[in-house]
Amino acid sequence: MKNSYVYILKCADNSYYTGVTANLQKRIVEHQSAKHPESYTAKRLPVELVFYAEFTDITIAIAREKQIKHWSKAKKEALISGKFDDLPNLAKKDFKR
């Protein structure tokens, strides 16, 4: 069974990039070498791997990647720091009613 990874990179401009891959080490090298010059990370080098999670089901990994991409910066930072109890309270809420 092939594992998949959801990962978060911290970019030089202090933004975060979230991705999914079957080969984490190779994908990080691709980001760091700007293999895709027009990509988000190529314009924000250097990048640093700050979080990853391993999955045995690619479908679940893709769903988790999509979920994390919609999170606020504060919520991503709580995940990166391992502050899992803080995650529910950092959900984006619309108070404009």
PDB file of N, CA and C in Angstrom:
ATOM      1  N   MET A   1       0.840  -1.179   0.000  1.00  0.00           N
ATOM      2  CA  MET A   1       0.000   0.000   0.000  1.00  0.00           C
ATOM      3  C   MET A   1       0.886   1.243   0.000  1.00  0.00           C
ATOM      4  N   LYS A   2       0.585   2.171  -0.897  1.00  0.00           N
ATOM      5  CA  LYS A   2       1.368   3.388  -1.042  1.00  0.00           C
ATOM      6  C   LYS A   2       0.809   4.483  -0.141  1.00  0.00           C
ATOM      7  N   ASN A   3       1.685   5.141   0.582  1.00  0.00           N
ATOM      8  CA  ASN A   3       1.267   6.221   1.464  1.00  0.00           C
ATOM      9  C   ASN A   3       1.223   7.541   0.712  1.00  0.00           C
ATOM     10  N   SER A   4       0.407   8.436   1.222  1.00  0.00           N
ATOM     11  CA  SER A   4       0.306   9.796   0.697  1.00  0.00           C
ATOM     12  C   SER A   4       0.552  10.756   1.849  1.00  0.00           C
ATOM     13  N   TYR A   5       0.931  11.972   1.506  1.00  0.00           N
ATOM     14  CA  TYR A   5       1.270  12.964   2.511  1.00  0.00           C
ATOM     15  C   TYR A   5       0.578  14.293   2.218  1.00  0.00           C
ATOM     16  N   VAL A   6       0.055  14.893   3.249  1.00  0.00           N
ATOM     17  CA  VAL A   6      -0.394  16.280   3.201  1.00  0.00           C
ATOM     18  C   VAL A   6       0.701  17.066   3.906  1.00  0.00           C
ATOM     19  N   TYR A   7       1.125  18.156   3.293  1.00  0.00           N
ATOM     20  CA  TYR A   7       2.237  18.907   3.867  1.00  0.00           C
ATOM     21  C   TYR A   7       1.961  20.403   3.810  1.00  0.00           C
ATOM     22  N   ILE A   8       2.625  21.107   4.706  1.00  0.00           N
ATOM     23  CA  ILE A   8       2.551  22.566   4.727  1.00  0.00           C
ATOM     24  C   ILE A   8       3.978  23.109   4.661  1.00  0.00           C
ATOM     25  N   LEU A   9       4.176  24.039   3.738  1.00  0.00           N
ATOM     26  CA  LEU A   9       5.453  24.723   3.602  1.00  0.00           C
ATOM     27  C   LEU A   9       5.300  26.160   4.081  1.00  0.00           C
ATOM     28  N   LYS A  10       6.298  26.647   4.781  1.00  0.00           N
ATOM     29  CA  LYS A  10       6.340  28.071   5.126  1.00  0.00           C
ATOM     30  C   LYS A  10       7.224  28.741   4.081  1.00  0.00           C
ATOM     31  N   CYS A  11       6.682  29.751   3.440  1.00  0.00           N
ATOM     32  CA  CYS A  11       7.390  30.459   2.380  1.00  0.00           C
ATOM     33  C   CYS A  11       8.168  31.643   2.938  1.00  0.00           C
ATOM     34  N   ALA A  12       9.075  32.172   2.130  1.00  0.00           N
ATOM     35  CA  ALA A  12       9.917  33.295   2.549  1.00  0.00           C
ATOM     36  C   ALA A  12       9.106  34.524   2.942  1.00  0.00           C
ATOM     37  N   ASP A  13       7.907  34.676   2.375  1.00  0.00           N
ATOM     38  CA  ASP A  13       7.073  35.832   2.718  1.00  0.00           C
ATOM     39  C   ASP A  13       6.158  35.555   3.914  1.00  0.00           C
ATOM     40  N   ASN A  14       6.417  34.458   4.637  1.00  0.00           N
ATOM     41  CA  ASN A  14       5.662  34.028   5.818  1.00  0.00           C
ATOM     42  C   ASN A  14       4.253  33.538   5.503  1.00  0.00           C
ATOM     43  N   SER A  15       3.966  33.258   4.240  1.00  0.00           N
ATOM     44  CA  SER A  15       2.698  32.624   3.888  1.00  0.00           C
ATOM     45  C   SER A  15       2.895  31.112   3.950  1.00  0.00           C
ATOM     46  N   TYR A  16       1.791  30.390   3.856  1.00  0.00           N
ATOM     47  CA  TYR A  16       1.851  28.935   3.897  1.00  0.00           C
ATOM     48  C   TYR A  16       1.295  28.349   2.612  1.00  0.00           C
ATOM     49  N   TYR A  17       1.899  27.261   2.188  1.00  0.00           N
ATOM     50  CA  TYR A  17       1.432  26.509   1.024  1.00  0.00           C
ATOM     51  C   TYR A  17       1.105  25.098   1.508  1.00  0.00           C
ATOM     52  N   THR A  18      -0.069  24.614   1.145  1.00  0.00           N
ATOM     53  CA  THR A  18      -0.490  23.261   1.522  1.00  0.00           C
ATOM     54  C   THR A  18      -0.600  22.417   0.270  1.00  0.00           C
ATOM     55  N   GLY A  19      -0.056  21.215   0.321  1.00  0.00           N
ATOM     56  CA  GLY A  19      -0.097  20.319  -0.830  1.00  0.00           C
ATOM     57  C   GLY A  19      -0.261  18.877  -0.417  1.00  0.00           C
ATOM     58  N   VAL A  20      -0.407  18.011  -1.418  1.00  0.00           N
ATOM     59  CA  VAL A  20      -0.526  16.574  -1.209  1.00  0.00           C
ATOM     60  C   VAL A  20       0.369  15.875  -2.219  1.00  0.00           C
ATOM     61  N   THR A  21       0.997  14.787  -1.809  1.00  0.00           N
ATOM     62  CA  THR A  21       1.915  14.068  -2.688  1.00  0.00           C
ATOM     63  C   THR A  21       2.072  12.624  -2.225  1.00  0.00           C
ATOM     64  N   ALA A  22       2.536  11.787  -3.121  1.00  0.00           N
ATOM     65  CA  ALA A  22       2.858  10.402  -2.768  1.00  0.00           C
ATOM     66  C   ALA A  22       4.343  10.263  -2.421  1.00  0.00           C
ATOM     67  N   ASN A  23       5.151  11.264  -2.791  1.00  0.00           N
ATOM     68  CA  ASN A  23       6.586  11.214  -2.526  1.00  0.00           C
ATOM     69  C   ASN A  23       7.011  12.555  -1.919  1.00  0.00           C
ATOM     70  N   LEU A  24       6.976  12.624  -0.611  1.00  0.00           N
ATOM     71  CA  LEU A  24       7.214  13.881   0.095  1.00  0.00           C
ATOM     72  C   LEU A  24       8.605  14.446  -0.175  1.00  0.00           C
ATOM     73  N   GLN A  25       9.612  13.629  -0.051  1.00  0.00           N
ATOM     74  CA  GLN A  25      10.989  14.104  -0.227  1.00  0.00           C
ATOM     75  C   GLN A  25      11.194  14.688  -1.633  1.00  0.00           C
ATOM     76  N   LYS A  26      10.725  13.981  -2.649  1.00  0.00           N
ATOM     77  CA  LYS A  26      10.871  14.452  -4.027  1.00  0.00           C
ATOM     78  C   LYS A  26      10.104  15.757  -4.241  1.00  0.00           C
ATOM     79  N   ARG A  27       8.906  15.845  -3.680  1.00  0.00           N
ATOM     80  CA  ARG A  27       8.076  17.031  -3.883  1.00  0.00           C
ATOM     81  C   ARG A  27       8.696  18.264  -3.226  1.00  0.00           C
ATOM     82  N   ILE A  28       9.292  18.087  -2.056  1.00  0.00           N
ATOM     83  CA  ILE A  28       9.931  19.213  -1.383  1.00  0.00           C
ATOM     84  C   ILE A  28      11.107  19.723  -2.222  1.00  0.00           C
ATOM     85  N   VAL A  29      11.899  18.815  -2.771  1.00  0.00           N
ATOM     86  CA  VAL A  29      13.014  19.200  -3.639  1.00  0.00           C
ATOM     87  C   VAL A  29      12.492  19.972  -4.853  1.00  0.00           C
ATOM     88  N   GLU A  30      11.370  19.520  -5.417  1.00  0.00           N
ATOM     89  CA  GLU A  30      10.775  20.231  -6.558  1.00  0.00           C
ATOM     90  C   GLU A  30      10.372  21.653  -6.182  1.00  0.00           C
ATOM     91  N   HIS A  31       9.783  21.812  -5.005  1.00  0.00           N
ATOM     92  CA  HIS A  31       9.424  23.159  -4.544  1.00  0.00           C
ATOM     93  C   HIS A  31      10.677  24.011  -4.379  1.00  0.00           C
ATOM     94  N   GLN A  32      11.681  23.473  -3.694  1.00  0.00           N
ATOM     95  CA  GLN A  32      12.881  24.248  -3.380  1.00  0.00           C
ATOM     96  C   GLN A  32      13.692  24.619  -4.616  1.00  0.00           C
ATOM     97  N   SER A  33      13.581  23.814  -5.668  1.00  0.00           N
ATOM     98  CA  SER A  33      14.332  24.098  -6.894  1.00  0.00           C
ATOM     99  C   SER A  33      13.509  24.865  -7.921  1.00  0.00           C
ATOM    100  N   ALA A  34      12.282  25.240  -7.567  1.00  0.00           N
ATOM    101  CA  ALA A  34      11.380  25.967  -8.466  1.00  0.00           C
ATOM    102  C   ALA A  34      11.195  25.221  -9.781  1.00  0.00           C
ATOM    103  N   LYS A  35      10.951  23.930  -9.675  1.00  0.00           N
ATOM    104  CA  LYS A  35      10.745  23.097 -10.872  1.00  0.00           C
ATOM    105  C   LYS A  35       9.625  23.661 -11.750  1.00  0.00           C
ATOM    106  N   HIS A  36       8.612  24.221 -11.120  1.00  0.00           N
ATOM    107  CA  HIS A  36       7.503  24.842 -11.845  1.00  0.00           C
ATOM    108  C   HIS A  36       7.601  26.358 -11.611  1.00  0.00           C
ATOM    109  N   PRO A  37       8.292  27.079 -12.486  1.00  0.00           N
ATOM    110  CA  PRO A  37       8.623  28.497 -12.254  1.00  0.00           C
ATOM    111  C   PRO A  37       7.430  29.419 -12.019  1.00  0.00           C
ATOM    112  N   GLU A  38       6.271  29.067 -12.503  1.00  0.00           N
ATOM    113  CA  GLU A  38       5.094  29.930 -12.334  1.00  0.00           C
ATOM    114  C   GLU A  38       4.278  29.577 -11.093  1.00  0.00           C
ATOM    115  N   SER A  39       4.739  28.614 -10.319  1.00  0.00           N
ATOM    116  CA  SER A  39       3.975  28.159  -9.153  1.00  0.00           C
ATOM    117  C   SER A  39       4.048  29.154  -7.994  1.00  0.00           C
ATOM    118  N   TYR A  40       3.134  28.982  -7.058  1.00  0.00           N
ATOM    119  CA  TYR A  40       3.063  29.838  -5.868  1.00  0.00           C
ATOM    120  C   TYR A  40       4.393  29.856  -5.122  1.00  0.00           C
ATOM    121  N   THR A  41       4.958  28.676  -4.881  1.00  0.00           N
ATOM    122  CA  THR A  41       6.174  28.605  -4.057  1.00  0.00           C
ATOM    123  C   THR A  41       7.418  29.079  -4.795  1.00  0.00           C
ATOM    124  N   ALA A  42       7.457  28.944  -6.106  1.00  0.00           N
ATOM    125  CA  ALA A  42       8.645  29.364  -6.867  1.00  0.00           C
ATOM    126  C   ALA A  42       8.899  30.858  -6.710  1.00  0.00           C
ATOM    127  N   LYS A  43       7.837  31.609  -6.479  1.00  0.00           N
ATOM    128  CA  LYS A  43       7.965  33.059  -6.327  1.00  0.00           C
ATOM    129  C   LYS A  43       8.180  33.467  -4.873  1.00  0.00           C
ATOM    130  N   ARG A  44       8.255  32.481  -3.978  1.00  0.00           N
ATOM    131  CA  ARG A  44       8.360  32.765  -2.542  1.00  0.00           C
ATOM    132  C   ARG A  44       9.455  31.926  -1.874  1.00  0.00           C
ATOM    133  N   LEU A  45      10.533  31.699  -2.593  1.00  0.00           N
ATOM    134  CA  LEU A  45      11.638  30.894  -2.062  1.00  0.00           C
ATOM    135  C   LEU A  45      12.479  31.704  -1.093  1.00  0.00           C
ATOM    136  N   PRO A  46      13.124  31.063  -0.135  1.00  0.00           N
ATOM    137  CA  PRO A  46      13.092  29.619   0.099  1.00  0.00           C
ATOM    138  C   PRO A  46      11.832  29.184   0.848  1.00  0.00           C
ATOM    139  N   VAL A  47      11.554  27.890   0.781  1.00  0.00           N
ATOM    140  CA  VAL A  47      10.436  27.313   1.511  1.00  0.00           C
ATOM    141  C   VAL A  47      10.967  26.313   2.528  1.00  0.00           C
ATOM    142  N   GLU A  48      10.186  26.110   3.583  1.00  0.00           N
ATOM    143  CA  GLU A  48      10.582  25.197   4.650  1.00  0.00           C
ATOM    144  C   GLU A  48       9.398  24.294   4.987  1.00  0.00           C
ATOM    145  N   LEU A  49       9.650  22.997   5.059  1.00  0.00           N
ATOM    146  CA  LEU A  49       8.614  22.055   5.474  1.00  0.00           C
ATOM    147  C   LEU A  49       8.367  22.243   6.965  1.00  0.00           C
ATOM    148  N   VAL A  50       7.123  22.595   7.337  1.00  0.00           N
ATOM    149  CA  VAL A  50       6.811  22.837   8.737  1.00  0.00           C
ATOM    150  C   VAL A  50       5.800  21.853   9.302  1.00  0.00           C
ATOM    151  N   PHE A  51       5.142  21.076   8.429  1.00  0.00           N
ATOM    152  CA  PHE A  51       4.159  20.097   8.885  1.00  0.00           C
ATOM    153  C   PHE A  51       3.920  19.074   7.787  1.00  0.00           C
ATOM    154  N   TYR A  52       3.715  17.826   8.217  1.00  0.00           N
ATOM    155  CA  TYR A  52       3.206  16.826   7.287  1.00  0.00           C
ATOM    156  C   TYR A  52       2.464  15.756   8.061  1.00  0.00           C
ATOM    157  N   ALA A  53       1.520  15.133   7.381  1.00  0.00           N
ATOM    158  CA  ALA A  53       0.765  14.011   7.938  1.00  0.00           C
ATOM    159  C   ALA A  53       0.721  12.922   6.879  1.00  0.00           C
ATOM    160  N   GLU A  54       0.815  11.697   7.324  1.00  0.00           N
ATOM    161  CA  GLU A  54       0.858  10.543   6.421  1.00  0.00           C
ATOM    162  C   GLU A  54      -0.505   9.857   6.390  1.00  0.00           C
ATOM    163  N   PHE A  55      -0.925   9.449   5.203  1.00  0.00           N
ATOM    164  CA  PHE A  55      -2.214   8.785   5.007  1.00  0.00           C
ATOM    165  C   PHE A  55      -2.025   7.529   4.167  1.00  0.00           C
ATOM    166  N   THR A  56      -2.845   6.529   4.426  1.00  0.00           N
ATOM    167  CA  THR A  56      -2.800   5.313   3.622  1.00  0.00           C
ATOM    168  C   THR A  56      -3.839   5.338   2.504  1.00  0.00           C
ATOM    169  N   ASP A  57      -4.725   6.329   2.534  1.00  0.00           N
ATOM    170  CA  ASP A  57      -5.777   6.462   1.522  1.00  0.00           C
ATOM    171  C   ASP A  57      -5.650   7.843   0.873  1.00  0.00           C
ATOM    172  N   ILE A  58      -5.320   7.878  -0.418  1.00  0.00           N
ATOM    173  CA  ILE A  58      -5.125   9.144  -1.123  1.00  0.00           C
ATOM    174  C   ILE A  58      -6.384  10.001  -1.119  1.00  0.00           C
ATOM    175  N   THR A  59      -7.553   9.380  -1.135  1.00  0.00           N
ATOM    176  CA  THR A  59      -8.813  10.121  -1.124  1.00  0.00           C
ATOM    177  C   THR A  59      -8.944  10.945   0.153  1.00  0.00           C
ATOM    178  N   ILE A  60      -8.584  10.345   1.265  1.00  0.00           N
ATOM    179  CA  ILE A  60      -8.644  11.057   2.544  1.00  0.00           C
ATOM    180  C   ILE A  60      -7.580  12.161   2.580  1.00  0.00           C
ATOM    181  N   ALA A  61      -6.400  11.881   2.046  1.00  0.00           N
ATOM    182  CA  ALA A  61      -5.334  12.885   2.016  1.00  0.00           C
ATOM    183  C   ALA A  61      -5.759  14.108   1.202  1.00  0.00           C
ATOM    184  N   ILE A  62      -6.373  13.881   0.061  1.00  0.00           N
ATOM    185  CA  ILE A  62      -6.823  14.993  -0.787  1.00  0.00           C
ATOM    186  C   ILE A  62      -7.906  15.802  -0.070  1.00  0.00           C
ATOM    187  N   ALA A  63      -8.822  15.112   0.590  1.00  0.00           N
ATOM    188  CA  ALA A  63      -9.880  15.810   1.334  1.00  0.00           C
ATOM    189  C   ALA A  63      -9.284  16.660   2.452  1.00  0.00           C
ATOM    190  N   ARG A  64      -8.298  16.137   3.160  1.00  0.00           N
ATOM    191  CA  ARG A  64      -7.656  16.885   4.246  1.00  0.00           C
ATOM    192  C   ARG A  64      -6.899  18.089   3.695  1.00  0.00           C
ATOM    193  N   GLU A  65      -6.209  17.919   2.560  1.00  0.00           N
ATOM    194  CA  GLU A  65      -5.494  19.037   1.936  1.00  0.00           C
ATOM    195  C   GLU A  65      -6.473  20.165   1.601  1.00  0.00           C
ATOM    196  N   LYS A  66      -7.593  19.828   0.979  1.00  0.00           N
ATOM    197  CA  LYS A  66      -8.592  20.835   0.615  1.00  0.00           C
ATOM    198  C   LYS A  66      -9.129  21.542   1.852  1.00  0.00           C
ATOM    199  N   GLN A  67      -9.333  20.778   2.928  1.00  0.00           N
ATOM    200  CA  GLN A  67      -9.829  21.360   4.177  1.00  0.00           C
ATOM    201  C   GLN A  67      -8.824  22.373   4.727  1.00  0.00           C
ATOM    202  N   ILE A  68      -7.576  21.976   4.828  1.00  0.00           N
ATOM    203  CA  ILE A  68      -6.538  22.837   5.401  1.00  0.00           C
ATOM    204  C   ILE A  68      -6.333  24.094   4.554  1.00  0.00           C
ATOM    205  N   LYS A  69      -6.437  23.974   3.238  1.00  0.00           N
ATOM    206  CA  LYS A  69      -6.251  25.136   2.366  1.00  0.00           C
ATOM    207  C   LYS A  69      -7.242  26.256   2.677  1.00  0.00           C
ATOM    208  N   HIS A  70      -8.396  25.912   3.207  1.00  0.00           N
ATOM    209  CA  HIS A  70      -9.417  26.921   3.528  1.00  0.00           C
ATOM    210  C   HIS A  70      -9.283  27.478   4.945  1.00  0.00           C
ATOM    211  N   TRP A  71      -8.352  26.958   5.710  1.00  0.00           N
ATOM    212  CA  TRP A  71      -8.172  27.420   7.078  1.00  0.00           C
ATOM    213  C   TRP A  71      -7.484  28.775   7.118  1.00  0.00           C
ATOM    214  N   SER A  72      -7.715  29.486   8.215  1.00  0.00           N
ATOM    215  CA  SER A  72      -7.022  30.751   8.454  1.00  0.00           C
ATOM    216  C   SER A  72      -5.546  30.475   8.774  1.00  0.00           C
ATOM    217  N   LYS A  73      -4.750  31.509   8.680  1.00  0.00           N
ATOM    218  CA  LYS A  73      -3.334  31.380   9.019  1.00  0.00           C
ATOM    219  C   LYS A  73      -3.173  30.954  10.479  1.00  0.00           C
ATOM    220  N   ALA A  74      -3.991  31.509  11.371  1.00  0.00           N
ATOM    221  CA  ALA A  74      -3.912  31.166  12.798  1.00  0.00           C
ATOM    222  C   ALA A  74      -4.211  29.690  13.022  1.00  0.00           C
ATOM    223  N   LYS A  75      -5.188  29.167  12.311  1.00  0.00           N
ATOM    224  CA  LYS A  75      -5.550  27.760  12.473  1.00  0.00           C
ATOM    225  C   LYS A  75      -4.443  26.854  11.925  1.00  0.00           C
ATOM    226  N   LYS A  76      -3.845  27.234  10.801  1.00  0.00           N
ATOM    227  CA  LYS A  76      -2.713  26.466  10.262  1.00  0.00           C
ATOM    228  C   LYS A  76      -1.549  26.472  11.245  1.00  0.00           C
ATOM    229  N   GLU A  77      -1.294  27.616  11.861  1.00  0.00           N
ATOM    230  CA  GLU A  77      -0.189  27.710  12.816  1.00  0.00           C
ATOM    231  C   GLU A  77      -0.454  26.874  14.059  1.00  0.00           C
ATOM    232  N   ALA A  78      -1.709  26.768  14.479  1.00  0.00           N
ATOM    233  CA  ALA A  78      -2.039  25.900  15.613  1.00  0.00           C
ATOM    234  C   ALA A  78      -1.774  24.443  15.244  1.00  0.00           C
ATOM    235  N   LEU A  79      -2.129  24.045  14.036  1.00  0.00           N
ATOM    236  CA  LEU A  79      -1.864  22.680  13.568  1.00  0.00           C
ATOM    237  C   LEU A  79      -0.365  22.420  13.534  1.00  0.00           C
ATOM    238  N   ILE A  80       0.388  23.341  12.953  1.00  0.00           N
ATOM    239  CA  ILE A  80       1.837  23.211  12.853  1.00  0.00           C
ATOM    240  C   ILE A  80       2.473  23.090  14.242  1.00  0.00           C
ATOM    241  N   SER A  81       1.952  23.835  15.207  1.00  0.00           N
ATOM    242  CA  SER A  81       2.493  23.833  16.574  1.00  0.00           C
ATOM    243  C   SER A  81       1.997  22.664  17.416  1.00  0.00           C
ATOM    244  N   GLY A  82       1.074  21.883  16.857  1.00  0.00           N
ATOM    245  CA  GLY A  82       0.537  20.753  17.610  1.00  0.00           C
ATOM    246  C   GLY A  82      -0.500  21.149  18.641  1.00  0.00           C
ATOM    247  N   LYS A  83      -1.074  22.323  18.515  1.00  0.00           N
ATOM    248  CA  LYS A  83      -2.097  22.796  19.460  1.00  0.00           C
ATOM    249  C   LYS A  83      -3.481  22.366  18.964  1.00  0.00           C
ATOM    250  N   PHE A  84      -3.699  21.075  18.949  1.00  0.00           N
ATOM    251  CA  PHE A  84      -4.911  20.495  18.368  1.00  0.00           C
ATOM    252  C   PHE A  84      -6.184  20.918  19.097  1.00  0.00           C
ATOM    253  N   ASP A  85      -6.093  21.163  20.395  1.00  0.00           N
ATOM    254  CA  ASP A  85      -7.272  21.589  21.155  1.00  0.00           C
ATOM    255  C   ASP A  85      -7.742  22.985  20.738  1.00  0.00           C
ATOM    256  N   ASP A  86      -6.855  23.783  20.150  1.00  0.00           N
ATOM    257  CA  ASP A  86      -7.215  25.140  19.722  1.00  0.00           C
ATOM    258  C   ASP A  86      -7.939  25.166  18.375  1.00  0.00           C
ATOM    259  N   LEU A  87      -7.840  24.098  17.604  1.00  0.00           N
ATOM    260  CA  LEU A  87      -8.368  24.106  16.241  1.00  0.00           C
ATOM    261  C   LEU A  87      -9.857  24.436  16.144  1.00  0.00           C
ATOM    262  N   PRO A  88     -10.732  23.831  16.962  1.00  0.00           N
ATOM    263  CA  PRO A  88     -12.162  24.153  16.817  1.00  0.00           C
ATOM    264  C   PRO A  88     -12.484  25.630  17.058  1.00  0.00           C
ATOM    265  N   ASN A  89     -11.766  26.265  17.974  1.00  0.00           N
ATOM    266  CA  ASN A  89     -12.034  27.664  18.298  1.00  0.00           C
ATOM    267  C   ASN A  89     -11.483  28.640  17.254  1.00  0.00           C
ATOM    268  N   LEU A  90     -10.675  28.131  16.337  1.00  0.00           N
ATOM    269  CA  LEU A  90     -10.087  28.986  15.310  1.00  0.00           C
ATOM    270  C   LEU A  90     -10.824  28.876  13.976  1.00  0.00           C
ATOM    271  N   ALA A  91     -11.972  28.234  13.994  1.00  0.00           N
ATOM    272  CA  ALA A  91     -12.769  28.120  12.775  1.00  0.00           C
ATOM    273  C   ALA A  91     -13.219  29.502  12.336  1.00  0.00           C
ATOM    274  N   LYS A  92     -13.249  29.706  11.032  1.00  0.00           N
ATOM    275  CA  LYS A  92     -13.717  30.991  10.511  1.00  0.00           C
ATOM    276  C   LYS A  92     -15.213  31.096  10.754  1.00  0.00           C
ATOM    277  N   LYS A  93     -15.620  32.220  11.307  1.00  0.00           N
ATOM    278  CA  LYS A  93     -17.030  32.443  11.593  1.00  0.00           C
ATOM    279  C   LYS A  93     -17.438  33.760  10.969  1.00  0.00           C
ATOM    280  N   ASP A  94     -18.660  33.813  10.466  1.00  0.00           N
ATOM    281  CA  ASP A  94     -19.180  35.029   9.867  1.00  0.00           C
ATOM    282  C   ASP A  94     -20.096  35.698  10.872  1.00  0.00           C
ATOM    283  N   PHE A  95     -19.612  36.797  11.475  1.00  0.00           N
ATOM    284  CA  PHE A  95     -20.391  37.499  12.483  1.00  0.00           C
ATOM    285  C   PHE A  95     -21.126  38.702  11.904  1.00  0.00           C
ATOM    286  N   LYS A  96     -21.088  38.863  10.582  1.00  0.00           N
ATOM    287  CA  LYS A  96     -21.722  40.007   9.912  1.00  0.00           C
ATOM    288  C   LYS A  96     -23.185  39.700   9.612  1.00  0.00           C
ATOM    289  N   ARG A  97     -24.029  39.818  10.597  1.00  0.00           N
ATOM    290  CA  ARG A  97     -25.469  39.559  10.393  1.00  0.00           C
ATOM    291  C   ARG A  97     -26.296  40.676  10.918  1.00  0.00           C
TER     292      ARG A  97
END
